[in-house]
Amino acid sequence: MRALRWMVACAVVLGCAPREEDFCQSNVVSTDAGITGDCITFEEASELATEPNSGVHTLTVKRDPANTAAAIPTASNSDAICRGDTCYVRAAGKVAIFAAASPGQRFLSWSCSESTSTNLELTNLRADTECIARFVPQYIVVTAGVSGWYDQHVQLTSSNGCSATDSCVTTYGGSMTLVAPASESHTFLGWAGCSESKERTITLSNLTQPTMCVAQYELEGYLVRWTVAYGGSVRVLASSSPDTVCTYDRCTVVPHGSLILEAEPLEGWQFVAWSCGDVTTSLIRFDDITAPISCEARFVPAE
């Protein structure tokens, strides 16, 4: 029976450069085979693996699909000697393998293990073993949103057939077309995060990483402005559109929108009227707004 001992070895999925100099650290004695000295070569290990009860097992590493991974050599303390996709491993020994996906692919699993890690250590190897690294296409996610216009969405269409709003996927290196919504009440300002274009329709090409795009808008509305000389304040009670933009003394309202204001007197004062129209109640409502409005809330000392 032949005896074989190794101390350091290299095993890599998809091609490992020979490191036979690493296997010269232990004596290898196999008198009947005529192999003596301080080193063992890959060819000698291959010969031993064909002998019954030699204590040497063959590990064959494959990939699926066959052309989807890169060779990245790595070394580990193990009981193997490797070249290319083949390792010869001492009985009950261990060997490390590594799966590296090529661009456009991602590692999925091993056929010889339940592990989903790209780094795998096989231990206590007691038989010839085939281990397949499985890869799947890598998909790129593109998400899109709208800023400055409430409850609106961007339409996305990818080169691989995805069509959706807000989010879509494409293959690695693929393209994505985005269409921002048209509006009569908002001005499209351009894109943020993915493009400097001012066009509503853009195409992103050669996508290799997740991408976020924001279509930016500004309200094209009419200004409703109020003033108070003294004695009180005005607050916005309601608006017909969530796109209405208000500050402390004005609101920008969408065309044909509506707005309700309320006059609130300070202590010791009372509200008397609004300057815009014959309105003496504290509430004033503006409907079907199609032009700028300016109005004063008038207060007088309480009697």
C-alpha atoms as a PDB file:
ATOM      1  CA  MET A   1       0.000   0.000   0.000  1.00  0.00           C
ATOM      2  CA  ARG A   2       1.346   3.346  -0.964  1.00  0.00           C
ATOM      3  CA  ALA A   3       1.709   6.115   1.600  1.00  0.00           C
ATOM      4  CA  LEU A   4       1.343   9.776   0.686  1.00  0.00           C
ATOM      5  CA  ARG A   5       1.650  12.904   2.833  1.00  0.00           C
ATOM      6  CA  TRP A   6       1.165  16.591   1.910  1.00  0.00           C
ATOM      7  CA  MET A   7       1.235  19.695   4.041  1.00  0.00           C
ATOM      8  CA  VAL A   8       0.318  22.658   1.811  1.00  0.00           C
ATOM      9  CA  ALA A   9      -1.767  22.705  -1.334  1.00  0.00           C
ATOM     10  CA  CYS A  10      -3.816  24.896  -3.636  1.00  0.00           C
ATOM     11  CA  ALA A  11      -7.253  24.174  -4.972  1.00  0.00           C
ATOM     12  CA  VAL A  12      -9.293  26.633  -6.982  1.00  0.00           C
ATOM     13  CA  VAL A  13     -12.483  26.382  -8.950  1.00  0.00           C
ATOM     14  CA  LEU A  14     -11.822  27.020 -12.618  1.00  0.00           C
ATOM     15  CA  GLY A  15      -8.104  26.693 -12.861  1.00  0.00           C
ATOM     16  CA  CYS A  16      -5.331  26.973 -10.363  1.00  0.00           C
ATOM     17  CA  ALA A  17      -1.759  27.568 -11.368  1.00  0.00           C
ATOM     18  CA  PRO A  18       0.421  24.612 -10.301  1.00  0.00           C
ATOM     19  CA  ARG A  19       2.157  25.121  -7.010  1.00  0.00           C
ATOM     20  CA  GLU A  20       4.229  21.977  -6.947  1.00  0.00           C
ATOM     21  CA  GLU A  21       6.995  23.742  -5.061  1.00  0.00           C
ATOM     22  CA  ASP A  22       4.579  23.893  -2.101  1.00  0.00           C
ATOM     23  CA  PHE A  23       4.567  20.132  -1.857  1.00  0.00           C
ATOM     24  CA  CYS A  24       8.226  19.756  -1.162  1.00  0.00           C
ATOM     25  CA  GLN A  25       7.847  20.379   2.539  1.00  0.00           C
ATOM     26  CA  SER A  26       7.179  16.763   3.574  1.00  0.00           C
ATOM     27  CA  ASN A  27       8.874  13.522   2.790  1.00  0.00           C
ATOM     28  CA  VAL A  28       7.008  11.271   0.415  1.00  0.00           C
ATOM     29  CA  VAL A  29       7.937   7.609   0.569  1.00  0.00           C
ATOM     30  CA  SER A  30       6.461   5.008  -1.736  1.00  0.00           C
ATOM     31  CA  THR A  31       9.155   2.411  -2.156  1.00  0.00           C
ATOM     32  CA  ASP A  32       7.245  -0.049  -4.277  1.00  0.00           C
ATOM     33  CA  ALA A  33       6.422   2.692  -6.791  1.00  0.00           C
ATOM     34  CA  GLY A  34       9.963   3.880  -6.856  1.00  0.00           C
ATOM     35  CA  ILE A  35       8.900   7.353  -5.690  1.00  0.00           C
ATOM     36  CA  THR A  36      11.218   8.553  -2.979  1.00  0.00           C
ATOM     37  CA  GLY A  37      12.597  11.849  -1.845  1.00  0.00           C
ATOM     38  CA  ASP A  38      11.227  15.108  -0.527  1.00  0.00           C
ATOM     39  CA  CYS A  39       8.692  16.075  -3.189  1.00  0.00           C
ATOM     40  CA  ILE A  40       5.718  14.718  -5.030  1.00  0.00           C
ATOM     41  CA  THR A  41       4.524  16.031  -8.369  1.00  0.00           C
ATOM     42  CA  PHE A  42       1.043  16.358  -9.780  1.00  0.00           C
ATOM     43  CA  GLU A  43       1.803  13.511 -12.217  1.00  0.00           C
ATOM     44  CA  GLU A  44       2.909  11.227  -9.405  1.00  0.00           C
ATOM     45  CA  ALA A  45      -0.244  11.990  -7.447  1.00  0.00           C
ATOM     46  CA  SER A  46      -2.290  11.225 -10.557  1.00  0.00           C
ATOM     47  CA  GLU A  47      -0.594   7.849 -10.839  1.00  0.00           C
ATOM     48  CA  LEU A  48      -1.291   7.015  -7.209  1.00  0.00           C
ATOM     49  CA  ALA A  49      -4.983   7.957  -7.580  1.00  0.00           C
ATOM     50  CA  THR A  50      -5.445   5.171 -10.146  1.00  0.00           C
ATOM     51  CA  GLU A  51      -4.190   2.505  -7.750  1.00  0.00           C
ATOM     52  CA  PRO A  52      -6.771   0.665  -5.612  1.00  0.00           C
ATOM     53  CA  ASN A  53      -6.534   1.399  -1.907  1.00  0.00           C
ATOM     54  CA  SER A  54      -3.843   3.994  -2.501  1.00  0.00           C
ATOM     55  CA  GLY A  55      -5.416   6.447  -0.064  1.00  0.00           C
ATOM     56  CA  VAL A  56      -5.566   9.123  -2.758  1.00  0.00           C
ATOM     57  CA  HIS A  57      -8.879  10.501  -4.077  1.00  0.00           C
ATOM     58  CA  THR A  58      -9.615  12.704  -7.067  1.00  0.00           C
ATOM     59  CA  LEU A  59     -11.560  15.957  -6.703  1.00  0.00           C
ATOM     60  CA  THR A  60     -12.873  17.322  -9.998  1.00  0.00           C
ATOM     61  CA  VAL A  61     -14.136  20.893  -9.989  1.00  0.00           C
ATOM     62  CA  LYS A  62     -16.550  22.058 -12.700  1.00  0.00           C
ATOM     63  CA  ARG A  63     -18.750  25.059 -13.347  1.00  0.00           C
ATOM     64  CA  ASP A  64     -22.249  25.467 -14.719  1.00  0.00           C
ATOM     65  CA  PRO A  65     -22.545  27.193 -17.165  1.00  0.00           C
ATOM     66  CA  ALA A  66     -19.070  26.173 -18.268  1.00  0.00           C
ATOM     67  CA  ASN A  67     -17.865  29.620 -19.382  1.00  0.00           C
ATOM     68  CA  THR A  68     -19.134  31.831 -16.589  1.00  0.00           C
ATOM     69  CA  ALA A  69     -16.372  32.060 -14.036  1.00  0.00           C
ATOM     70  CA  ALA A  70     -12.906  33.474 -13.609  1.00  0.00           C
ATOM     71  CA  ALA A  71      -9.881  31.614 -12.262  1.00  0.00           C
ATOM     72  CA  ILE A  72      -8.619  33.142  -9.025  1.00  0.00           C
ATOM     73  CA  PRO A  73      -5.903  30.990  -7.420  1.00  0.00           C
ATOM     74  CA  THR A  74      -5.829  30.699  -3.647  1.00  0.00           C
ATOM     75  CA  ALA A  75      -3.667  28.695  -1.262  1.00  0.00           C
ATOM     76  CA  SER A  76      -4.685  26.942   1.911  1.00  0.00           C
ATOM     77  CA  ASN A  77      -3.324  24.447   4.379  1.00  0.00           C
ATOM     78  CA  SER A  78      -4.745  21.224   3.005  1.00  0.00           C
ATOM     79  CA  ASP A  79      -3.908  17.711   1.986  1.00  0.00           C
ATOM     80  CA  ALA A  80      -4.063  18.120  -1.770  1.00  0.00           C
ATOM     81  CA  ILE A  81      -2.143  18.959  -4.891  1.00  0.00           C
ATOM     82  CA  CYS A  82      -4.060  20.680  -7.695  1.00  0.00           C
ATOM     83  CA  ARG A  83      -3.725  21.728 -11.266  1.00  0.00           C
ATOM     84  CA  GLY A  84      -6.445  23.214 -13.435  1.00  0.00           C
ATOM     85  CA  ASP A  85      -9.798  21.737 -12.364  1.00  0.00           C
ATOM     86  CA  THR A  86      -8.384  18.601 -10.734  1.00  0.00           C
ATOM     87  CA  CYS A  87      -7.071  17.956  -7.239  1.00  0.00           C
ATOM     88  CA  TYR A  88      -5.618  14.787  -5.724  1.00  0.00           C
ATOM     89  CA  VAL A  89      -6.474  14.597  -2.051  1.00  0.00           C
ATOM     90  CA  ARG A  90      -5.149  12.369   0.719  1.00  0.00           C
ATOM     91  CA  ALA A  91      -7.786  10.074   2.234  1.00  0.00           C
ATOM     92  CA  ALA A  92      -9.753  11.874   4.974  1.00  0.00           C
ATOM     93  CA  GLY A  93      -7.912  15.029   3.972  1.00  0.00           C
ATOM     94  CA  LYS A  94      -9.261  18.472   3.260  1.00  0.00           C
ATOM     95  CA  VAL A  95      -9.061  20.922   0.385  1.00  0.00           C
ATOM     96  CA  ALA A  96     -10.301  24.487  -0.196  1.00  0.00           C
ATOM     97  CA  ILE A  97     -12.001  25.648  -3.377  1.00  0.00           C
ATOM     98  CA  PHE A  98     -13.192  29.075  -4.442  1.00  0.00           C
ATOM     99  CA  ALA A  99     -15.865  30.126  -6.956  1.00  0.00           C
ATOM    100  CA  ALA A 100     -15.433  33.492  -8.669  1.00  0.00           C
ATOM    101  CA  ALA A 101     -18.194  34.731 -10.940  1.00  0.00           C
ATOM    102  CA  SER A 102     -17.358  36.480 -14.172  1.00  0.00           C
ATOM    103  CA  PRO A 103     -19.027  39.839 -14.971  1.00  0.00           C
ATOM    104  CA  GLY A 104     -22.741  39.377 -15.521  1.00  0.00           C
ATOM    105  CA  GLN A 105     -22.962  36.269 -13.357  1.00  0.00           C
ATOM    106  CA  ARG A 106     -23.378  35.547  -9.661  1.00  0.00           C
ATOM    107  CA  PHE A 107     -22.563  32.436  -7.691  1.00  0.00           C
ATOM    108  CA  LEU A 108     -25.572  30.335  -6.655  1.00  0.00           C
ATOM    109  CA  SER A 109     -24.500  27.064  -4.998  1.00  0.00           C
ATOM    110  CA  TRP A 110     -22.270  23.999  -4.952  1.00  0.00           C
ATOM    111  CA  SER A 111     -23.373  20.549  -6.104  1.00  0.00           C
ATOM    112  CA  CYS A 112     -21.261  18.881  -3.427  1.00  0.00           C
ATOM    113  CA  SER A 113     -22.323  20.982  -0.453  1.00  0.00           C
ATOM    114  CA  GLU A 114     -25.276  22.855   0.997  1.00  0.00           C
ATOM    115  CA  SER A 115     -23.050  25.887   1.506  1.00  0.00           C
ATOM    116  CA  THR A 116     -23.841  28.994  -0.543  1.00  0.00           C
ATOM    117  CA  SER A 117     -20.489  30.620   0.226  1.00  0.00           C
ATOM    118  CA  THR A 118     -18.037  31.131  -2.614  1.00  0.00           C
ATOM    119  CA  ASN A 119     -15.325  29.775  -0.294  1.00  0.00           C
ATOM    120  CA  LEU A 120     -15.747  26.089   0.430  1.00  0.00           C
ATOM    121  CA  GLU A 121     -13.569  23.722   2.438  1.00  0.00           C
ATOM    122  CA  LEU A 122     -14.151  20.046   1.804  1.00  0.00           C
ATOM    123  CA  THR A 123     -13.063  17.905   4.728  1.00  0.00           C
ATOM    124  CA  ASN A 124     -12.721  14.180   5.415  1.00  0.00           C
ATOM    125  CA  LEU A 125     -12.705  13.353   1.710  1.00  0.00           C
ATOM    126  CA  ARG A 126     -13.043   9.541   1.437  1.00  0.00           C
ATOM    127  CA  ALA A 127     -13.997   9.020  -2.215  1.00  0.00           C
ATOM    128  CA  ASP A 128     -13.515  10.495  -5.646  1.00  0.00           C
ATOM    129  CA  THR A 129     -15.695  13.621  -5.757  1.00  0.00           C
ATOM    130  CA  GLU A 130     -17.082  15.953  -8.407  1.00  0.00           C
ATOM    131  CA  CYS A 131     -17.999  19.455  -7.287  1.00  0.00           C
ATOM    132  CA  ILE A 132     -19.878  21.813  -9.602  1.00  0.00           C
ATOM    133  CA  ALA A 133     -20.024  25.566  -8.963  1.00  0.00           C
ATOM    134  CA  ARG A 134     -23.396  26.815 -10.193  1.00  0.00           C
ATOM    135  CA  PHE A 135     -23.796  30.342 -11.530  1.00  0.00           C
ATOM    136  CA  VAL A 136     -26.846  32.335 -12.647  1.00  0.00           C
ATOM    137  CA  PRO A 137     -27.188  35.617 -14.574  1.00  0.00           C
ATOM    138  CA  GLN A 138     -26.783  38.779 -12.541  1.00  0.00           C
ATOM    139  CA  TYR A 139     -29.693  41.190 -12.824  1.00  0.00           C
ATOM    140  CA  ILE A 140     -29.469  44.944 -12.360  1.00  0.00           C
ATOM    141  CA  VAL A 141     -32.304  46.791 -10.611  1.00  0.00           C
ATOM    142  CA  VAL A 142     -33.250  50.304 -11.696  1.00  0.00           C
ATOM    143  CA  THR A 143     -35.656  52.252  -9.473  1.00  0.00           C
ATOM    144  CA  ALA A 144     -37.256  55.594 -10.255  1.00  0.00           C
ATOM    145  CA  GLY A 145     -39.302  58.169  -8.377  1.00  0.00           C
ATOM    146  CA  VAL A 146     -40.870  61.596  -8.821  1.00  0.00           C
ATOM    147  CA  SER A 147     -39.993  64.713  -6.831  1.00  0.00           C
ATOM    148  CA  GLY A 148     -42.196  67.804  -6.658  1.00  0.00           C
ATOM    149  CA  TRP A 149     -45.354  66.133  -7.975  1.00  0.00           C
ATOM    150  CA  TYR A 150     -47.511  64.061  -5.682  1.00  0.00           C
ATOM    151  CA  ASP A 151     -48.483  60.436  -6.462  1.00  0.00           C
ATOM    152  CA  GLN A 152     -46.855  60.232  -9.900  1.00  0.00           C
ATOM    153  CA  HIS A 153     -44.739  57.433 -11.383  1.00  0.00           C
ATOM    154  CA  VAL A 154     -41.986  56.839 -13.922  1.00  0.00           C
ATOM    155  CA  GLN A 155     -42.463  54.166 -16.592  1.00  0.00           C
ATOM    156  CA  LEU A 156     -39.476  51.844 -17.042  1.00  0.00           C
ATOM    157  CA  THR A 157     -38.803  49.408 -19.915  1.00  0.00           C
ATOM    158  CA  SER A 158     -35.694  47.209 -20.008  1.00  0.00           C
ATOM    159  CA  SER A 159     -33.817  45.603 -22.886  1.00  0.00           C
ATOM    160  CA  ASN A 160     -34.774  42.139 -21.609  1.00  0.00           C
ATOM    161  CA  GLY A 161     -38.521  42.751 -21.613  1.00  0.00           C
ATOM    162  CA  CYS A 162     -39.304  44.135 -18.157  1.00  0.00           C
ATOM    163  CA  SER A 163     -41.953  46.865 -18.199  1.00  0.00           C
ATOM    164  CA  ALA A 164     -43.194  48.458 -14.982  1.00  0.00           C
ATOM    165  CA  THR A 165     -43.494  51.646 -12.958  1.00  0.00           C
ATOM    166  CA  ASP A 166     -41.152  52.595 -10.117  1.00  0.00           C
ATOM    167  CA  SER A 167     -38.777  49.622 -10.494  1.00  0.00           C
ATOM    168  CA  CYS A 168     -37.552  47.252 -13.217  1.00  0.00           C
ATOM    169  CA  VAL A 169     -34.706  44.792 -13.814  1.00  0.00           C
ATOM    170  CA  THR A 170     -32.353  44.228 -16.718  1.00  0.00           C
ATOM    171  CA  THR A 171     -29.471  41.875 -17.374  1.00  0.00           C
ATOM    172  CA  TYR A 172     -25.905  42.881 -16.570  1.00  0.00           C
ATOM    173  CA  GLY A 173     -24.744  45.286 -19.286  1.00  0.00           C
ATOM    174  CA  GLY A 174     -28.321  45.810 -20.480  1.00  0.00           C
ATOM    175  CA  SER A 175     -30.253  49.033 -20.925  1.00  0.00           C
ATOM    176  CA  MET A 176     -33.294  50.715 -19.398  1.00  0.00           C
ATOM    177  CA  THR A 177     -35.599  53.354 -20.874  1.00  0.00           C
ATOM    178  CA  LEU A 178     -37.337  55.719 -18.447  1.00  0.00           C
ATOM    179  CA  VAL A 179     -40.289  57.965 -19.285  1.00  0.00           C
ATOM    180  CA  ALA A 180     -41.277  60.704 -16.831  1.00  0.00           C
ATOM    181  CA  PRO A 181     -44.981  61.658 -16.753  1.00  0.00           C
ATOM    182  CA  ALA A 182     -46.308  64.557 -18.815  1.00  0.00           C
ATOM    183  CA  SER A 183     -48.090  67.389 -17.036  1.00  0.00           C
ATOM    184  CA  GLU A 184     -49.988  70.598 -17.692  1.00  0.00           C
ATOM    185  CA  SER A 185     -49.627  71.738 -14.090  1.00  0.00           C
ATOM    186  CA  HIS A 186     -45.955  70.922 -13.475  1.00  0.00           C
ATOM    187  CA  THR A 187     -42.718  71.755 -15.270  1.00  0.00           C
ATOM    188  CA  PHE A 188     -40.246  68.917 -15.779  1.00  0.00           C
ATOM    189  CA  LEU A 189     -36.839  70.101 -14.540  1.00  0.00           C
ATOM    190  CA  GLY A 190     -34.705  67.066 -15.374  1.00  0.00           C
ATOM    191  CA  TRP A 191     -33.316  63.896 -13.816  1.00  0.00           C
ATOM    192  CA  ALA A 192     -31.315  63.434 -10.630  1.00  0.00           C
ATOM    193  CA  GLY A 193     -29.121  60.496  -9.652  1.00  0.00           C
ATOM    194  CA  CYS A 194     -28.656  58.902 -13.062  1.00  0.00           C
ATOM    195  CA  SER A 195     -28.621  61.496 -15.843  1.00  0.00           C
ATOM    196  CA  GLU A 196     -28.195  65.197 -16.524  1.00  0.00           C
ATOM    197  CA  SER A 197     -30.735  65.096 -19.353  1.00  0.00           C
ATOM    198  CA  LYS A 198     -33.650  67.546 -19.411  1.00  0.00           C
ATOM    199  CA  GLU A 199     -35.683  65.225 -21.636  1.00  0.00           C
ATOM    200  CA  ARG A 200     -38.569  63.284 -20.128  1.00  0.00           C
ATOM    201  CA  THR A 201     -37.481  60.105 -21.952  1.00  0.00           C
ATOM    202  CA  ILE A 202     -33.967  58.780 -21.360  1.00  0.00           C
ATOM    203  CA  THR A 203     -32.171  55.466 -21.967  1.00  0.00           C
ATOM    204  CA  LEU A 204     -29.506  54.194 -19.577  1.00  0.00           C
ATOM    205  CA  SER A 205     -27.065  51.828 -21.311  1.00  0.00           C
ATOM    206  CA  ASN A 206     -24.456  49.276 -20.208  1.00  0.00           C
ATOM    207  CA  LEU A 207     -25.872  49.006 -16.691  1.00  0.00           C
ATOM    208  CA  THR A 208     -23.572  47.144 -14.307  1.00  0.00           C
ATOM    209  CA  GLN A 209     -24.846  48.261 -10.879  1.00  0.00           C
ATOM    210  CA  PRO A 210     -28.156  49.169  -9.200  1.00  0.00           C
ATOM    211  CA  THR A 211     -29.311  52.638 -10.246  1.00  0.00           C
ATOM    212  CA  MET A 212     -31.745  55.156  -8.775  1.00  0.00           C
ATOM    213  CA  CYS A 213     -33.329  57.945 -10.852  1.00  0.00           C
ATOM    214  CA  VAL A 214     -35.543  60.830  -9.749  1.00  0.00           C
ATOM    215  CA  ALA A 215     -37.697  62.850 -12.149  1.00  0.00           C
ATOM    216  CA  GLN A 216     -37.833  66.397 -10.790  1.00  0.00           C
ATOM    217  CA  TYR A 217     -40.821  68.733 -11.216  1.00  0.00           C
ATOM    218  CA  GLU A 218     -41.872  72.229 -10.248  1.00  0.00           C
ATOM    219  CA  LEU A 219     -45.490  73.256  -9.874  1.00  0.00           C
ATOM    220  CA  GLU A 220     -46.886  75.527 -12.574  1.00  0.00           C
ATOM    221  CA  GLY A 221     -49.584  77.110 -10.483  1.00  0.00           C
ATOM    222  CA  TYR A 222     -51.121  80.381  -9.373  1.00  0.00           C
ATOM    223  CA  LEU A 223     -50.004  82.339  -6.344  1.00  0.00           C
ATOM    224  CA  VAL A 224     -52.570  82.990  -3.610  1.00  0.00           C
ATOM    225  CA  ARG A 225     -51.088  85.534  -1.197  1.00  0.00           C
ATOM    226  CA  TRP A 226     -52.506  87.006   1.999  1.00  0.00           C
ATOM    227  CA  THR A 227     -51.481  89.826   4.298  1.00  0.00           C
ATOM    228  CA  VAL A 228     -52.358  90.924   7.823  1.00  0.00           C
ATOM    229  CA  ALA A 229     -51.685  94.468   9.001  1.00  0.00           C
ATOM    230  CA  TYR A 230     -52.168  93.698  12.684  1.00  0.00           C
ATOM    231  CA  GLY A 231     -54.455  91.935  15.133  1.00  0.00           C
ATOM    232  CA  GLY A 232     -54.379  88.355  13.854  1.00  0.00           C
ATOM    233  CA  SER A 233     -53.062  85.715  11.485  1.00  0.00           C
ATOM    234  CA  VAL A 234     -54.154  83.497   8.596  1.00  0.00           C
ATOM    235  CA  ARG A 235     -53.848  79.745   8.268  1.00  0.00           C
ATOM    236  CA  VAL A 236     -54.496  77.357   5.386  1.00  0.00           C
ATOM    237  CA  LEU A 237     -57.467  75.225   6.289  1.00  0.00           C
ATOM    238  CA  ALA A 238     -57.733  73.021   3.175  1.00  0.00           C
ATOM    239  CA  SER A 239     -56.596  72.602  -0.423  1.00  0.00           C
ATOM    240  CA  SER A 240     -58.024  70.615  -3.322  1.00  0.00           C
ATOM    241  CA  SER A 241     -54.635  69.200  -4.315  1.00  0.00           C
ATOM    242  CA  PRO A 242     -51.779  67.620  -2.343  1.00  0.00           C
ATOM    243  CA  ASP A 243     -49.442  69.383  -4.784  1.00  0.00           C
ATOM    244  CA  THR A 244     -50.346  72.773  -3.315  1.00  0.00           C
ATOM    245  CA  VAL A 245     -47.200  74.362  -1.909  1.00  0.00           C
ATOM    246  CA  CYS A 246     -47.615  76.829   0.972  1.00  0.00           C
ATOM    247  CA  THR A 247     -45.420  79.055   3.107  1.00  0.00           C
ATOM    248  CA  TYR A 248     -46.353  81.425   5.921  1.00  0.00           C
ATOM    249  CA  ASP A 249     -48.077  84.029   3.687  1.00  0.00           C
ATOM    250  CA  ARG A 250     -48.743  82.369   0.314  1.00  0.00           C
ATOM    251  CA  CYS A 251     -49.686  79.192  -1.521  1.00  0.00           C
ATOM    252  CA  THR A 252     -49.011  78.031  -5.072  1.00  0.00           C
ATOM    253  CA  VAL A 253     -52.145  76.262  -6.258  1.00  0.00           C
ATOM    254  CA  VAL A 254     -52.577  74.049  -9.326  1.00  0.00           C
ATOM    255  CA  PRO A 255     -54.707  75.512 -12.143  1.00  0.00           C
ATOM    256  CA  HIS A 256     -58.450  75.190 -11.415  1.00  0.00           C
ATOM    257  CA  GLY A 257     -57.636  74.184  -7.846  1.00  0.00           C
ATOM    258  CA  SER A 258     -59.262  75.476  -4.697  1.00  0.00           C
ATOM    259  CA  LEU A 259     -58.053  76.817  -1.349  1.00  0.00           C
ATOM    260  CA  ILE A 260     -59.684  77.619   1.980  1.00  0.00           C
ATOM    261  CA  LEU A 261     -58.145  80.181   4.344  1.00  0.00           C
ATOM    262  CA  GLU A 262     -59.124  81.000   7.921  1.00  0.00           C
ATOM    263  CA  ALA A 263     -58.524  84.312   9.689  1.00  0.00           C
ATOM    264  CA  GLU A 264     -57.652  83.967  13.374  1.00  0.00           C
ATOM    265  CA  PRO A 265     -57.763  87.113  15.594  1.00  0.00           C
ATOM    266  CA  LEU A 266     -55.363  87.652  18.464  1.00  0.00           C
ATOM    267  CA  GLU A 267     -56.692  88.083  21.988  1.00  0.00           C
ATOM    268  CA  GLY A 268     -58.438  91.438  22.230  1.00  0.00           C
ATOM    269  CA  TRP A 269     -59.056  91.660  18.488  1.00  0.00           C
ATOM    270  CA  GLN A 270     -61.855  90.608  16.191  1.00  0.00           C
ATOM    271  CA  PHE A 271     -61.991  89.759  12.487  1.00  0.00           C
ATOM    272  CA  VAL A 272     -64.106  92.072  10.325  1.00  0.00           C
ATOM    273  CA  ALA A 273     -63.618  91.214   6.642  1.00  0.00           C
ATOM    274  CA  TRP A 274     -61.467  90.032   3.775  1.00  0.00           C
ATOM    275  CA  SER A 275     -60.329  92.657   1.275  1.00  0.00           C
ATOM    276  CA  CYS A 276     -60.955  90.383  -1.748  1.00  0.00           C
ATOM    277  CA  GLY A 277     -64.710  90.118  -2.097  1.00  0.00           C
ATOM    278  CA  ASP A 278     -67.677  90.750   0.134  1.00  0.00           C
ATOM    279  CA  VAL A 279     -66.702  88.166   2.761  1.00  0.00           C
ATOM    280  CA  THR A 280     -67.111  88.922   6.442  1.00  0.00           C
ATOM    281  CA  THR A 281     -66.773  85.398   7.806  1.00  0.00           C
ATOM    282  CA  SER A 282     -63.390  84.207   9.038  1.00  0.00           C
ATOM    283  CA  LEU A 283     -63.358  81.483   6.396  1.00  0.00           C
ATOM    284  CA  ILE A 284     -62.806  82.337   2.750  1.00  0.00           C
ATOM    285  CA  ARG A 285     -62.821  79.839  -0.117  1.00  0.00           C
ATOM    286  CA  PHE A 286     -61.250  80.266  -3.546  1.00  0.00           C
ATOM    287  CA  ASP A 287     -62.458  77.857  -6.261  1.00  0.00           C
ATOM    288  CA  ASP A 288     -61.393  77.227  -9.857  1.00  0.00           C
ATOM    289  CA  ILE A 289     -58.280  79.354  -9.451  1.00  0.00           C
ATOM    290  CA  THR A 290     -56.997  80.543 -12.849  1.00  0.00           C
ATOM    291  CA  ALA A 291     -55.166  83.744 -11.861  1.00  0.00           C
ATOM    292  CA  PRO A 292     -53.047  85.078  -8.979  1.00  0.00           C
ATOM    293  CA  ILE A 293     -54.952  86.248  -5.885  1.00  0.00           C
ATOM    294  CA  SER A 294     -53.968  88.732  -3.211  1.00  0.00           C
ATOM    295  CA  CYS A 295     -56.108  89.288  -0.124  1.00  0.00           C
ATOM    296  CA  GLU A 296     -55.868  91.017   3.226  1.00  0.00           C
ATOM    297  CA  ALA A 297     -57.417  89.747   6.439  1.00  0.00           C
ATOM    298  CA  ARG A 298     -58.617  92.789   8.424  1.00  0.00           C
ATOM    299  CA  PHE A 299     -58.892  92.886  12.190  1.00  0.00           C
ATOM    300  CA  VAL A 300     -59.999  95.586  14.640  1.00  0.00           C
ATOM    301  CA  PRO A 301     -59.777  95.874  18.402  1.00  0.00           C
ATOM    302  CA  ALA A 302     -62.569  93.988  20.130  1.00  0.00           C
ATOM    303  CA  GLU A 303     -65.260  96.112  21.724  1.00  0.00           C
END
